[in-house]
């Protein structure tokens, strides 16, 4: 939920086009969540990687120890989150 919230918090603009991609794929052995959004200049600071993502990482470690993979990419003005939950 944190990643979806962040897409709308940091990836929308009233002034320029701001495409957002959110996908959830369910497989027999895993669930894959992906989100991608543009980051606007005024949002490019350390506040973005604050409490929400930190807490999400802690919850994943607690609820899915050894059964998840989280990759976050924050390059070239685009934020990407890729979360895999293994069965």
N, C-alpha and C. Protein backbone atom coordinates (compact mmCIF):
# COMPACT_ATOMS: atom_id res chain seq x y z
N UNK A 1 0.81 -1.19 0.00
CA UNK A 1 0.00 0.00 0.00
C UNK A 1 0.86 1.27 0.00
N UNK A 2 1.99 1.21 0.67
CA UNK A 2 2.89 2.37 0.72
C UNK A 2 3.30 2.81 -0.68
N UNK A 3 3.60 1.85 -1.55
CA UNK A 3 4.07 2.20 -2.88
C UNK A 3 2.96 2.85 -3.71
N UNK A 4 1.75 2.37 -3.57
CA UNK A 4 0.62 2.98 -4.29
C UNK A 4 0.38 4.40 -3.77
N UNK A 5 0.42 4.56 -2.47
CA UNK A 5 0.25 5.89 -1.88
C UNK A 5 1.33 6.84 -2.39
N UNK A 6 2.57 6.37 -2.45
CA UNK A 6 3.67 7.23 -2.89
C UNK A 6 3.55 7.61 -4.36
N UNK A 7 2.99 6.72 -5.19
CA UNK A 7 2.78 7.05 -6.60
C UNK A 7 1.92 8.30 -6.71
N UNK A 8 0.86 8.36 -5.92
CA UNK A 8 -0.03 9.51 -5.99
C UNK A 8 0.51 10.72 -5.23
N UNK A 9 1.31 10.48 -4.23
CA UNK A 9 1.87 11.57 -3.44
C UNK A 9 2.99 12.29 -4.19
N UNK A 10 3.84 11.54 -4.89
CA UNK A 10 5.02 12.12 -5.52
C UNK A 10 5.01 12.09 -7.04
N UNK A 11 4.07 11.37 -7.64
CA UNK A 11 4.12 11.17 -9.08
C UNK A 11 3.07 11.89 -9.89
N UNK A 12 2.32 12.79 -9.29
CA UNK A 12 1.30 13.53 -10.02
C UNK A 12 1.68 15.00 -10.15
N UNK A 13 1.20 15.59 -11.23
CA UNK A 13 1.44 17.02 -11.45
C UNK A 13 0.23 17.63 -12.13
N UNK A 14 -0.05 18.86 -11.79
CA UNK A 14 -1.11 19.62 -12.46
C UNK A 14 -0.59 20.32 -13.71
N UNK A 15 0.74 20.27 -13.93
CA UNK A 15 1.35 21.07 -14.98
C UNK A 15 1.89 20.26 -16.15
N UNK A 16 2.26 19.02 -15.93
CA UNK A 16 2.81 18.19 -17.00
C UNK A 16 2.21 16.79 -16.93
N UNK A 17 2.29 16.09 -18.05
CA UNK A 17 1.81 14.72 -18.09
C UNK A 17 2.65 13.87 -17.14
N UNK A 18 1.98 13.01 -16.40
CA UNK A 18 2.67 12.21 -15.39
C UNK A 18 2.14 10.78 -15.43
N UNK A 19 2.66 9.97 -16.36
CA UNK A 19 2.17 8.59 -16.43
C UNK A 19 2.52 7.80 -15.18
N UNK A 20 1.61 6.93 -14.80
CA UNK A 20 1.78 6.06 -13.64
C UNK A 20 1.50 4.64 -14.11
N UNK A 21 2.34 3.70 -13.67
CA UNK A 21 2.12 2.29 -13.97
C UNK A 21 2.07 1.52 -12.66
N UNK A 22 1.01 0.76 -12.48
CA UNK A 22 0.87 -0.12 -11.32
C UNK A 22 0.40 -1.47 -11.85
N UNK A 23 1.09 -2.54 -11.46
CA UNK A 23 0.65 -3.87 -11.90
C UNK A 23 0.83 -4.88 -10.77
N UNK A 24 -0.07 -5.85 -10.76
CA UNK A 24 0.02 -6.98 -9.84
C UNK A 24 -0.21 -8.23 -10.67
N UNK A 25 0.75 -9.13 -10.65
CA UNK A 25 0.65 -10.40 -11.37
C UNK A 25 0.71 -11.54 -10.36
N UNK A 26 -0.21 -12.47 -10.50
CA UNK A 26 -0.28 -13.61 -9.59
C UNK A 26 0.13 -14.86 -10.35
N UNK A 27 1.11 -15.55 -9.82
CA UNK A 27 1.60 -16.80 -10.39
C UNK A 27 1.38 -17.91 -9.37
N UNK A 28 1.64 -19.12 -9.77
CA UNK A 28 1.44 -20.25 -8.87
C UNK A 28 2.32 -20.17 -7.63
N UNK A 29 3.54 -19.67 -7.80
CA UNK A 29 4.51 -19.67 -6.71
C UNK A 29 4.89 -18.29 -6.18
N UNK A 30 4.27 -17.23 -6.76
CA UNK A 30 4.65 -15.88 -6.31
C UNK A 30 3.62 -14.85 -6.76
N UNK A 31 3.68 -13.71 -6.10
CA UNK A 31 2.91 -12.53 -6.49
C UNK A 31 3.92 -11.42 -6.77
N UNK A 32 3.75 -10.75 -7.90
CA UNK A 32 4.68 -9.70 -8.31
C UNK A 32 3.93 -8.38 -8.40
N UNK A 33 4.41 -7.40 -7.64
CA UNK A 33 3.86 -6.04 -7.66
C UNK A 33 4.91 -5.11 -8.25
N UNK A 34 4.48 -4.25 -9.18
CA UNK A 34 5.38 -3.26 -9.75
C UNK A 34 4.68 -1.90 -9.80
N UNK A 35 5.44 -0.87 -9.51
CA UNK A 35 4.93 0.49 -9.69
C UNK A 35 6.04 1.34 -10.28
N UNK A 36 5.62 2.32 -11.07
CA UNK A 36 6.58 3.23 -11.69
C UNK A 36 5.91 4.59 -11.86
N UNK A 37 6.63 5.62 -11.48
CA UNK A 37 6.12 6.97 -11.65
C UNK A 37 7.26 7.97 -11.79
N UNK A 38 6.95 9.06 -12.44
CA UNK A 38 7.90 10.15 -12.57
C UNK A 38 8.04 10.85 -11.23
N UNK A 39 9.24 11.35 -10.96
CA UNK A 39 9.49 12.12 -9.74
C UNK A 39 9.70 13.56 -10.16
N UNK A 40 8.99 14.46 -9.54
CA UNK A 40 9.13 15.86 -9.89
C UNK A 40 10.20 16.52 -9.05
N UNK A 41 10.88 17.51 -9.62
CA UNK A 41 12.04 18.15 -9.00
C UNK A 41 11.84 18.50 -7.54
N UNK A 42 10.71 19.09 -7.20
CA UNK A 42 10.51 19.51 -5.81
C UNK A 42 10.34 18.33 -4.87
N UNK A 43 10.20 17.12 -5.42
CA UNK A 43 10.04 15.93 -4.58
C UNK A 43 11.34 15.13 -4.49
N UNK A 44 12.37 15.52 -5.22
CA UNK A 44 13.60 14.74 -5.23
C UNK A 44 14.48 15.11 -4.04
N UNK A 45 14.15 14.49 -2.92
CA UNK A 45 14.96 14.67 -1.72
C UNK A 45 14.81 13.44 -0.84
N UNK A 46 15.49 13.42 0.26
CA UNK A 46 15.48 12.24 1.13
C UNK A 46 14.15 11.98 1.80
N UNK A 47 13.25 12.95 1.82
CA UNK A 47 11.94 12.74 2.45
C UNK A 47 11.17 11.62 1.78
N UNK A 48 11.38 11.41 0.48
CA UNK A 48 10.65 10.38 -0.24
C UNK A 48 10.95 8.99 0.31
N UNK A 49 12.17 8.73 0.68
CA UNK A 49 12.53 7.40 1.18
C UNK A 49 12.48 7.38 2.70
N UNK A 50 11.42 7.90 3.23
CA UNK A 50 11.30 8.05 4.66
C UNK A 50 10.60 6.91 5.34
N UNK A 51 9.75 7.26 6.23
CA UNK A 51 9.13 6.32 7.16
C UNK A 51 8.33 5.23 6.47
N UNK A 52 7.53 5.57 5.47
CA UNK A 52 6.66 4.58 4.82
C UNK A 52 7.41 3.40 4.24
N UNK A 53 8.44 3.67 3.46
CA UNK A 53 9.20 2.58 2.84
C UNK A 53 10.02 1.84 3.88
N UNK A 54 10.57 2.57 4.83
CA UNK A 54 11.33 1.93 5.91
C UNK A 54 10.44 0.96 6.69
N UNK A 55 9.23 1.40 7.03
CA UNK A 55 8.30 0.52 7.75
C UNK A 55 7.87 -0.67 6.90
N UNK A 56 7.68 -0.44 5.61
CA UNK A 56 7.32 -1.54 4.71
C UNK A 56 8.41 -2.59 4.69
N UNK A 57 9.66 -2.17 4.62
CA UNK A 57 10.77 -3.13 4.64
C UNK A 57 10.78 -3.94 5.94
N UNK A 58 10.52 -3.28 7.05
CA UNK A 58 10.48 -3.99 8.34
C UNK A 58 9.33 -4.98 8.39
N UNK A 59 8.16 -4.58 7.89
CA UNK A 59 7.00 -5.48 7.88
C UNK A 59 7.26 -6.69 6.99
N UNK A 60 7.88 -6.46 5.84
CA UNK A 60 8.21 -7.58 4.95
C UNK A 60 9.15 -8.56 5.63
N UNK A 61 10.15 -8.05 6.32
CA UNK A 61 11.09 -8.93 7.04
C UNK A 61 10.36 -9.73 8.11
N UNK A 62 9.40 -9.11 8.76
CA UNK A 62 8.66 -9.78 9.83
C UNK A 62 7.65 -10.79 9.28
N UNK A 63 6.91 -10.41 8.24
CA UNK A 63 5.83 -11.26 7.72
C UNK A 63 6.29 -12.28 6.68
N UNK A 64 7.33 -11.96 5.92
CA UNK A 64 7.80 -12.83 4.83
C UNK A 64 9.31 -13.02 4.90
N UNK A 65 9.83 -13.47 6.04
CA UNK A 65 11.29 -13.62 6.15
C UNK A 65 11.80 -14.66 5.15
N UNK A 66 12.73 -14.24 4.30
CA UNK A 66 13.30 -15.13 3.30
C UNK A 66 12.35 -15.46 2.16
N UNK A 67 11.19 -14.83 2.13
CA UNK A 67 10.20 -15.14 1.09
C UNK A 67 9.75 -13.89 0.34
N UNK A 68 10.60 -12.91 0.26
CA UNK A 68 10.26 -11.71 -0.51
C UNK A 68 11.53 -11.12 -1.11
N UNK A 69 11.30 -10.34 -2.13
CA UNK A 69 12.40 -9.61 -2.77
C UNK A 69 11.87 -8.22 -3.11
N UNK A 70 12.53 -7.19 -2.62
CA UNK A 70 12.12 -5.82 -2.87
C UNK A 70 13.26 -5.07 -3.53
N UNK A 71 12.98 -4.51 -4.69
CA UNK A 71 13.96 -3.68 -5.39
C UNK A 71 13.34 -2.31 -5.62
N UNK A 72 14.08 -1.29 -5.24
CA UNK A 72 13.65 0.08 -5.45
C UNK A 72 14.71 0.78 -6.28
N UNK A 73 14.27 1.40 -7.36
CA UNK A 73 15.17 2.10 -8.26
C UNK A 73 14.70 3.55 -8.35
N UNK A 74 15.62 4.46 -8.18
CA UNK A 74 15.30 5.88 -8.14
C UNK A 74 16.31 6.62 -9.01
N UNK A 75 16.16 6.49 -10.34
CA UNK A 75 17.14 7.08 -11.26
C UNK A 75 16.44 7.86 -12.36
N UNK A 76 17.13 8.84 -12.87
CA UNK A 76 16.68 9.60 -14.04
C UNK A 76 15.27 10.16 -13.89
N UNK A 77 14.91 10.56 -12.68
CA UNK A 77 13.62 11.17 -12.46
C UNK A 77 12.45 10.21 -12.44
N UNK A 78 12.75 8.90 -12.32
CA UNK A 78 11.70 7.88 -12.29
C UNK A 78 11.90 7.00 -11.06
N UNK A 79 10.82 6.76 -10.34
CA UNK A 79 10.84 5.88 -9.17
C UNK A 79 10.17 4.56 -9.56
N UNK A 80 10.87 3.44 -9.31
CA UNK A 80 10.33 2.12 -9.61
C UNK A 80 10.42 1.25 -8.36
N UNK A 81 9.33 0.57 -8.05
CA UNK A 81 9.31 -0.40 -6.96
C UNK A 81 8.90 -1.74 -7.55
N UNK A 82 9.63 -2.78 -7.20
CA UNK A 82 9.34 -4.12 -7.67
C UNK A 82 9.37 -5.04 -6.44
N UNK A 83 8.23 -5.60 -6.09
CA UNK A 83 8.11 -6.47 -4.92
C UNK A 83 7.62 -7.84 -5.35
N UNK A 84 8.35 -8.87 -4.94
CA UNK A 84 7.96 -10.25 -5.21
C UNK A 84 7.75 -10.94 -3.87
N UNK A 85 6.58 -11.56 -3.70
CA UNK A 85 6.28 -12.37 -2.52
C UNK A 85 6.22 -13.82 -2.98
N UNK A 86 7.09 -14.65 -2.40
CA UNK A 86 7.16 -16.06 -2.77
C UNK A 86 6.30 -16.89 -1.83
N UNK A 87 5.73 -17.98 -2.37
CA UNK A 87 4.91 -18.86 -1.52
C UNK A 87 5.78 -19.84 -0.76
